[in-house]
PDB file of N, CA and C in Angstrom:
ATOM      1  N   MET A   1      80.991 107.775  98.513  1.00  0.00           N
ATOM      2  CA  MET A   1      80.585 107.233  99.788  1.00  0.00           C
ATOM      3  C   MET A   1      80.403 108.311 100.865  1.00  0.00           C
ATOM      4  N   PRO A   2      80.361 109.587 100.549  1.00  0.00           N
ATOM      5  CA  PRO A   2      80.295 110.575 101.623  1.00  0.00           C
ATOM      6  C   PRO A   2      79.008 110.510 102.444  1.00  0.00           C
ATOM      7  N   TYR A   3      77.924 110.003 101.874  1.00  0.00           N
ATOM      8  CA  TYR A   3      76.661 109.959 102.607  1.00  0.00           C
ATOM      9  C   TYR A   3      76.258 108.536 102.962  1.00  0.00           C
ATOM     10  N   ALA A   4      77.152 107.589 102.775  1.00  0.00           N
ATOM     11  CA  ALA A   4      76.852 106.187 103.088  1.00  0.00           C
ATOM     12  C   ALA A   4      76.870 105.980 104.603  1.00  0.00           C
ATOM     13  N   PRO A   5      76.014 105.111 105.096  1.00  0.00           N
ATOM     14  CA  PRO A   5      76.061 104.802 106.529  1.00  0.00           C
ATOM     15  C   PRO A   5      77.358 104.083 106.894  1.00  0.00           C
ATOM     16  N   TYR A   6      77.658 104.089 108.176  1.00  0.00           N
ATOM     17  CA  TYR A   6      78.895 103.497 108.681  1.00  0.00           C
ATOM     18  C   TYR A   6      79.041 102.047 108.246  1.00  0.00           C
ATOM     19  N   GLU A   7      78.003 101.263 108.414  1.00  0.00           N
ATOM     20  CA  GLU A   7      78.058  99.839 108.097  1.00  0.00           C
ATOM     21  C   GLU A   7      78.385  99.612 106.621  1.00  0.00           C
ATOM     22  N   GLN A   8      77.783 100.389 105.752  1.00  0.00           N
ATOM     23  CA  GLN A   8      78.030 100.249 104.314  1.00  0.00           C
ATOM     24  C   GLN A   8      79.472 100.651 103.976  1.00  0.00           C
ATOM     25  N   THR A   9      79.983 101.656 104.636  1.00  0.00           N
ATOM     26  CA  THR A   9      81.364 102.082 104.411  1.00  0.00           C
ATOM     27  C   THR A   9      82.344 101.003 104.842  1.00  0.00           C
ATOM     28  N   VAL A  10      82.088 100.370 105.986  1.00  0.00           N
ATOM     29  CA  VAL A  10      82.958  99.294 106.466  1.00  0.00           C
ATOM     30  C   VAL A  10      82.943  98.126 105.487  1.00  0.00           C
ATOM     31  N   VAL A  11      81.759  97.757 104.993  1.00  0.00           N
ATOM     32  CA  VAL A  11      81.667  96.670 104.012  1.00  0.00           C
ATOM     33  C   VAL A  11      82.452  97.044 102.756  1.00  0.00           C
ATOM     34  N   TRP A  12      82.336  98.279 102.331  1.00  0.00           N
ATOM     35  CA  TRP A  12      83.048  98.741 101.132  1.00  0.00           C
ATOM     36  C   TRP A  12      84.558  98.677 101.350  1.00  0.00           C
ATOM     37  N   LEU A  13      85.023  99.069 102.546  1.00  0.00           N
ATOM     38  CA  LEU A  13      86.456  99.056 102.843  1.00  0.00           C
ATOM     39  C   LEU A  13      87.018  97.648 103.012  1.00  0.00           C
ATOM     40  N   LYS A  14      86.181  96.665 103.263  1.00  0.00           N
ATOM     41  CA  LYS A  14      86.663  95.294 103.431  1.00  0.00           C
ATOM     42  C   LYS A  14      87.070  94.655 102.109  1.00  0.00           C
ATOM     43  N   SER A  15      86.766  95.294 101.016  1.00  0.00           N
ATOM     44  CA  SER A  15      87.234  94.808  99.712  1.00  0.00           C
ATOM     45  C   SER A  15      88.723  95.140  99.584  1.00  0.00           C
ATOM     46  N   PRO A  16      89.563  94.157  99.243  1.00  0.00           N
ATOM     47  CA  PRO A  16      91.005  94.428  99.121  1.00  0.00           C
ATOM     48  C   PRO A  16      91.328  95.512  98.083  1.00  0.00           C
ATOM     49  N   VAL A  17      90.570  95.547  97.010  1.00  0.00           N
ATOM     50  CA  VAL A  17      90.818  96.562  95.977  1.00  0.00           C
ATOM     51  C   VAL A  17      90.511  97.953  96.526  1.00  0.00           C
ATOM     52  N   ASN A  18      89.371  98.093  97.192  1.00  0.00           N
ATOM     53  CA  ASN A  18      88.993  99.401  97.740  1.00  0.00           C
ATOM     54  C   ASN A  18      89.936  99.850  98.852  1.00  0.00           C
ATOM     55  N   SER A  19      90.302  98.930  99.741  1.00  0.00           N
ATOM     56  CA  SER A  19      91.197  99.322 100.830  1.00  0.00           C
ATOM     57  C   SER A  19      92.587  99.669 100.309  1.00  0.00           C
ATOM     58  N   THR A  20      93.044  98.979  99.261  1.00  0.00           N
ATOM     59  CA  THR A  20      94.340  99.319  98.664  1.00  0.00           C
ATOM     60  C   THR A  20      94.283 100.700  98.015  1.00  0.00           C
ATOM     61  N   ALA A  21      93.201 100.965  97.307  1.00  0.00           N
ATOM     62  CA  ALA A  21      93.057 102.270  96.648  1.00  0.00           C
ATOM     63  C   ALA A  21      92.977 103.401  97.670  1.00  0.00           C
ATOM     64  N   ILE A  22      92.208 103.201  98.719  1.00  0.00           N
ATOM     65  CA  ILE A  22      92.089 104.237  99.745  1.00  0.00           C
ATOM     66  C   ILE A  22      93.417 104.434 100.479  1.00  0.00           C
ATOM     67  N   SER A  23      94.129 103.342 100.741  1.00  0.00           N
ATOM     68  CA  SER A  23      95.440 103.459 101.402  1.00  0.00           C
ATOM     69  C   SER A  23      96.413 104.250 100.534  1.00  0.00           C
ATOM     70  N   ALA A  24      96.428 103.960  99.244  1.00  0.00           N
ATOM     71  CA  ALA A  24      97.307 104.712  98.334  1.00  0.00           C
ATOM     72  C   ALA A  24      96.916 106.176  98.310  1.00  0.00           C
ATOM     73  N   TRP A  25      95.616 106.451  98.265  1.00  0.00           N
ATOM     74  CA  TRP A  25      95.152 107.834  98.245  1.00  0.00           C
ATOM     75  C   TRP A  25      95.549 108.559  99.528  1.00  0.00           C
ATOM     76  N   VAL A  26      95.412 107.887 100.672  1.00  0.00           N
ATOM     77  CA  VAL A  26      95.773 108.482 101.963  1.00  0.00           C
ATOM     78  C   VAL A  26      97.260 108.839 101.974  1.00  0.00           C
ATOM     79  N   MET A  27      98.102 107.905 101.526  1.00  0.00           N
ATOM     80  CA  MET A  27      99.544 108.167 101.532  1.00  0.00           C
ATOM     81  C   MET A  27      99.903 109.333 100.614  1.00  0.00           C
ATOM     82  N   VAL A  28      99.294 109.378  99.445  1.00  0.00           N
ATOM     83  CA  VAL A  28      99.569 110.477  98.507  1.00  0.00           C
ATOM     84  C   VAL A  28      99.065 111.801  99.075  1.00  0.00           C
ATOM     85  N   ALA A  29      97.890 111.785  99.687  1.00  0.00           N
ATOM     86  CA  ALA A  29      97.330 113.020 100.243  1.00  0.00           C
ATOM     87  C   ALA A  29      98.202 113.572 101.372  1.00  0.00           C
ATOM     88  N   PHE A  30      98.646 112.701 102.278  1.00  0.00           N
ATOM     89  CA  PHE A  30      99.508 113.170 103.369  1.00  0.00           C
ATOM     90  C   PHE A  30     100.871 113.615 102.851  1.00  0.00           C
ATOM     91  N   TYR A  31     101.407 112.910 101.865  1.00  0.00           N
ATOM     92  CA  TYR A  31     102.687 113.312 101.277  1.00  0.00           C
ATOM     93  C   TYR A  31     102.555 114.687 100.621  1.00  0.00           C
ATOM     94  N   HIS A  32     101.477 114.883  99.876  1.00  0.00           N
ATOM     95  CA  HIS A  32     101.237 116.160  99.204  1.00  0.00           C
ATOM     96  C   HIS A  32     101.107 117.296 100.226  1.00  0.00           C
ATOM     97  N   ALA A  33     100.394 117.040 101.319  1.00  0.00           N
ATOM     98  CA  ALA A  33     100.231 118.060 102.361  1.00  0.00           C
ATOM     99  C   ALA A  33     101.572 118.391 103.015  1.00  0.00           C
ATOM    100  N   ALA A  34     102.373 117.359 103.291  1.00  0.00           N
ATOM    101  CA  ALA A  34     103.688 117.591 103.909  1.00  0.00           C
ATOM    102  C   ALA A  34     104.592 118.393 102.980  1.00  0.00           C
ATOM    103  N   MET A  35     104.572 118.073 101.699  1.00  0.00           N
ATOM    104  CA  MET A  35     105.405 118.814 100.747  1.00  0.00           C
ATOM    105  C   MET A  35     104.934 120.265 100.614  1.00  0.00           C
ATOM    106  N   GLY A  36     103.631 120.474 100.664  1.00  0.00           N
ATOM    107  CA  GLY A  36     103.102 121.839 100.613  1.00  0.00           C
ATOM    108  C   GLY A  36     103.543 122.660 101.807  1.00  0.00           C
ATOM    109  N   LEU A  37     103.469 122.077 103.002  1.00  0.00           N
ATOM    110  CA  LEU A  37     103.927 122.799 104.190  1.00  0.00           C
ATOM    111  C   LEU A  37     105.433 123.007 104.178  1.00  0.00           C
ATOM    112  N   GLN A  38     106.161 122.054 103.612  1.00  0.00           N
ATOM    113  CA  GLN A  38     107.614 122.214 103.514  1.00  0.00           C
ATOM    114  C   GLN A  38     107.961 123.425 102.654  1.00  0.00           C
ATOM    115  N   VAL A  39     107.257 123.611 101.564  1.00  0.00           N
ATOM    116  CA  VAL A  39     107.508 124.768 100.695  1.00  0.00           C
ATOM    117  C   VAL A  39     107.201 126.067 101.432  1.00  0.00           C
ATOM    118  N   VAL A  40     106.110 126.077 102.185  1.00  0.00           N
ATOM    119  CA  VAL A  40     105.761 127.273 102.961  1.00  0.00           C
ATOM    120  C   VAL A  40     106.854 127.564 103.983  1.00  0.00           C
ATOM    121  N   ILE A  41     107.338 126.529 104.665  1.00  0.00           N
ATOM    122  CA  ILE A  41     108.401 126.713 105.658  1.00  0.00           C
ATOM    123  C   ILE A  41     109.670 127.222 104.982  1.00  0.00           C
ATOM    124  N   GLU A  42     110.035 126.630 103.858  1.00  0.00           N
ATOM    125  CA  GLU A  42     111.243 127.064 103.147  1.00  0.00           C
ATOM    126  C   GLU A  42     111.139 128.506 102.688  1.00  0.00           C
ATOM    127  N   ASP A  43     109.950 128.946 102.310  1.00  0.00           N
ATOM    128  CA  ASP A  43     109.771 130.312 101.811  1.00  0.00           C
ATOM    129  C   ASP A  43     109.706 131.357 102.913  1.00  0.00           C
ATOM    130  N   TYR A  44     109.154 130.998 104.082  1.00  0.00           N
ATOM    131  CA  TYR A  44     108.859 132.016 105.079  1.00  0.00           C
ATOM    132  C   TYR A  44     109.658 131.923 106.373  1.00  0.00           C
ATOM    133  N   VAL A  45     110.402 130.854 106.594  1.00  0.00           N
ATOM    134  CA  VAL A  45     111.234 130.756 107.793  1.00  0.00           C
ATOM    135  C   VAL A  45     112.668 131.066 107.377  1.00  0.00           C
ATOM    136  N   SER A  46     113.239 132.084 107.984  1.00  0.00           N
ATOM    137  CA  SER A  46     114.564 132.533 107.541  1.00  0.00           C
ATOM    138  C   SER A  46     115.710 131.841 108.291  1.00  0.00           C
ATOM    139  N   HIS A  47     115.510 131.486 109.518  1.00  0.00           N
ATOM    140  CA  HIS A  47     116.561 130.865 110.315  1.00  0.00           C
ATOM    141  C   HIS A  47     116.735 129.405 109.894  1.00  0.00           C
ATOM    142  N   GLU A  48     117.952 129.034 109.454  1.00  0.00           N
ATOM    143  CA  GLU A  48     118.200 127.688 108.911  1.00  0.00           C
ATOM    144  C   GLU A  48     117.928 126.582 109.919  1.00  0.00           C
ATOM    145  N   GLY A  49     118.318 126.782 111.160  1.00  0.00           N
ATOM    146  CA  GLY A  49     118.104 125.764 112.185  1.00  0.00           C
ATOM    147  C   GLY A  49     116.627 125.497 112.412  1.00  0.00           C
ATOM    148  N   ARG A  50     115.856 126.569 112.543  1.00  0.00           N
ATOM    149  CA  ARG A  50     114.407 126.438 112.719  1.00  0.00           C
ATOM    150  C   ARG A  50     113.767 125.784 111.507  1.00  0.00           C
ATOM    151  N   LYS A  51     114.245 126.169 110.347  1.00  0.00           N
ATOM    152  CA  LYS A  51     113.702 125.626 109.102  1.00  0.00           C
ATOM    153  C   LYS A  51     113.874 124.101 109.061  1.00  0.00           C
ATOM    154  N   ILE A  52     115.056 123.628 109.387  1.00  0.00           N
ATOM    155  CA  ILE A  52     115.332 122.190 109.363  1.00  0.00           C
ATOM    156  C   ILE A  52     114.479 121.464 110.395  1.00  0.00           C
ATOM    157  N   ILE A  53     114.388 122.017 111.593  1.00  0.00           N
ATOM    158  CA  ILE A  53     113.594 121.385 112.652  1.00  0.00           C
ATOM    159  C   ILE A  53     112.116 121.352 112.275  1.00  0.00           C
ATOM    160  N   LEU A  54     111.603 122.441 111.756  1.00  0.00           N
ATOM    161  CA  LEU A  54     110.192 122.489 111.372  1.00  0.00           C
ATOM    162  C   LEU A  54     109.880 121.511 110.237  1.00  0.00           C
ATOM    163  N   ILE A  55     110.756 121.441 109.248  1.00  0.00           N
ATOM    164  CA  ILE A  55     110.536 120.498 108.144  1.00  0.00           C
ATOM    165  C   ILE A  55     110.566 119.072 108.667  1.00  0.00           C
ATOM    166  N   TRP A  56     111.510 118.765 109.538  1.00  0.00           N
ATOM    167  CA  TRP A  56     111.571 117.431 110.117  1.00  0.00           C
ATOM    168  C   TRP A  56     110.310 117.130 110.924  1.00  0.00           C
ATOM    169  N   LEU A  57     109.861 118.096 111.702  1.00  0.00           N
ATOM    170  CA  LEU A  57     108.673 117.920 112.523  1.00  0.00           C
ATOM    171  C   LEU A  57     107.425 117.707 111.660  1.00  0.00           C
ATOM    172  N   VAL A  58     107.267 118.504 110.622  1.00  0.00           N
ATOM    173  CA  VAL A  58     106.123 118.355 109.721  1.00  0.00           C
ATOM    174  C   VAL A  58     106.142 116.972 109.074  1.00  0.00           C
ATOM    175  N   ASN A  59     107.310 116.544 108.594  1.00  0.00           N
ATOM    176  CA  ASN A  59     107.402 115.227 107.967  1.00  0.00           C
ATOM    177  C   ASN A  59     107.090 114.116 108.956  1.00  0.00           C
ATOM    178  N   ALA A  60     107.574 114.230 110.180  1.00  0.00           N
ATOM    179  CA  ALA A  60     107.312 113.210 111.196  1.00  0.00           C
ATOM    180  C   ALA A  60     105.821 113.154 111.550  1.00  0.00           C
ATOM    181  N   VAL A  61     105.203 114.306 111.726  1.00  0.00           N
ATOM    182  CA  VAL A  61     103.781 114.345 112.080  1.00  0.00           C
ATOM    183  C   VAL A  61     102.928 113.760 110.955  1.00  0.00           C
ATOM    184  N   PHE A  62     103.205 114.166 109.719  1.00  0.00           N
ATOM    185  CA  PHE A  62     102.408 113.650 108.611  1.00  0.00           C
ATOM    186  C   PHE A  62     102.671 112.167 108.373  1.00  0.00           C
ATOM    187  N   PHE A  63     103.886 111.703 108.625  1.00  0.00           N
ATOM    188  CA  PHE A  63     104.166 110.269 108.514  1.00  0.00           C
ATOM    189  C   PHE A  63     103.346 109.500 109.541  1.00  0.00           C
ATOM    190  N   MET A  64     103.316 109.995 110.779  1.00  0.00           N
ATOM    191  CA  MET A  64     102.558 109.309 111.827  1.00  0.00           C
ATOM    192  C   MET A  64     101.060 109.331 111.529  1.00  0.00           C
ATOM    193  N   LEU A  65     100.554 110.427 111.009  1.00  0.00           N
ATOM    194  CA  LEU A  65      99.141 110.495 110.649  1.00  0.00           C
ATOM    195  C   LEU A  65      98.808 109.526 109.519  1.00  0.00           C
ATOM    196  N   ALA A  66      99.663 109.471 108.504  1.00  0.00           N
ATOM    197  CA  ALA A  66      99.441 108.545 107.389  1.00  0.00           C
ATOM    198  C   ALA A  66      99.525 107.105 107.872  1.00  0.00           C
ATOM    199  N   LEU A  67     100.500 106.805 108.707  1.00  0.00           N
ATOM    200  CA  LEU A  67     100.635 105.458 109.244  1.00  0.00           C
ATOM    201  C   LEU A  67      99.399 105.074 110.051  1.00  0.00           C
ATOM    202  N   SER A  68      98.917 105.978 110.868  1.00  0.00           N
ATOM    203  CA  SER A  68      97.720 105.721 111.661  1.00  0.00           C
ATOM    204  C   SER A  68      96.509 105.456 110.767  1.00  0.00           C
ATOM    205  N   ALA A  69      96.349 106.231 109.723  1.00  0.00           N
ATOM    206  CA  ALA A  69      95.222 106.044 108.808  1.00  0.00           C
ATOM    207  C   ALA A  69      95.312 104.713 108.075  1.00  0.00           C
ATOM    208  N   VAL A  70      96.497 104.373 107.585  1.00  0.00           N
ATOM    209  CA  VAL A  70      96.662 103.104 106.862  1.00  0.00           C
ATOM    210  C   VAL A  70      96.473 101.919 107.808  1.00  0.00           C
ATOM    211  N   LEU A  71      96.983 102.004 109.024  1.00  0.00           N
ATOM    212  CA  LEU A  71      96.770 100.920 109.982  1.00  0.00           C
ATOM    213  C   LEU A  71      95.291 100.767 110.334  1.00  0.00           C
ATOM    214  N   SER A  72      94.567 101.859 110.383  1.00  0.00           N
ATOM    215  CA  SER A  72      93.129 101.787 110.622  1.00  0.00           C
ATOM    216  C   SER A  72      92.413 101.094 109.472  1.00  0.00           C
ATOM    217  N   ILE A  73      92.828 101.396 108.261  1.00  0.00           N
ATOM    218  CA  ILE A  73      92.235 100.744 107.089  1.00  0.00           C
ATOM    219  C   ILE A  73      92.546  99.249 107.113  1.00  0.00           C
ATOM    220  N   ILE A  74      93.782  98.897 107.454  1.00  0.00           N
ATOM    221  CA  ILE A  74      94.152  97.478 107.532  1.00  0.00           C
ATOM    222  C   ILE A  74      93.349  96.785 108.626  1.00  0.00           C
ATOM    223  N   ARG A  75      93.145  97.452 109.729  1.00  0.00           N
ATOM    224  CA  ARG A  75      92.353  96.863 110.824  1.00  0.00           C
ATOM    225  C   ARG A  75      90.925  96.578 110.369  1.00  0.00           C
ATOM    226  N   ILE A  76      90.322  97.496 109.632  1.00  0.00           N
ATOM    227  CA  ILE A  76      88.984  97.272 109.097  1.00  0.00           C
ATOM    228  C   ILE A  76      88.997  96.113 108.110  1.00  0.00           C
ATOM    229  N   LEU A  77      90.019  96.066 107.265  1.00  0.00           N
ATOM    230  CA  LEU A  77      90.123  95.025 106.252  1.00  0.00           C
ATOM    231  C   LEU A  77      90.227  93.642 106.889  1.00  0.00           C
ATOM    232  N   LEU A  78      90.979  93.534 107.973  1.00  0.00           N
ATOM    233  CA  LEU A  78      91.226  92.237 108.594  1.00  0.00           C
ATOM    234  C   LEU A  78      90.189  91.854 109.649  1.00  0.00           C
ATOM    235  N   ALA A  79      89.319  92.794 110.014  1.00  0.00           N
ATOM    236  CA  ALA A  79      88.312  92.508 111.034  1.00  0.00           C
ATOM    237  C   ALA A  79      87.318  91.469 110.508  1.00  0.00           C
ATOM    238  N   GLY A  80      86.939  90.575 111.394  1.00  0.00           N
ATOM    239  CA  GLY A  80      86.059  89.446 111.105  1.00  0.00           C
ATOM    240  C   GLY A  80      84.895  89.768 110.289  1.00  0.00           C
TER     241      GLY A  80
END
């Protein structure tokens, strides 16, 4: 769907199967990105306090981004 027009993409996302699949993919993608950044932080940040705060911050930011994306998908799914 990368070259599909907006209207066609919305129609495609209104299918429960497609919206469920995209939601699962979004959650996995954000989780994978957060875990990747966590490994980078663990490897390159030496101060334990900073390390814990940064990991918490990365997890919180990626959780909020994933939640926002999934809520957007649900909004499209439920729209008239």
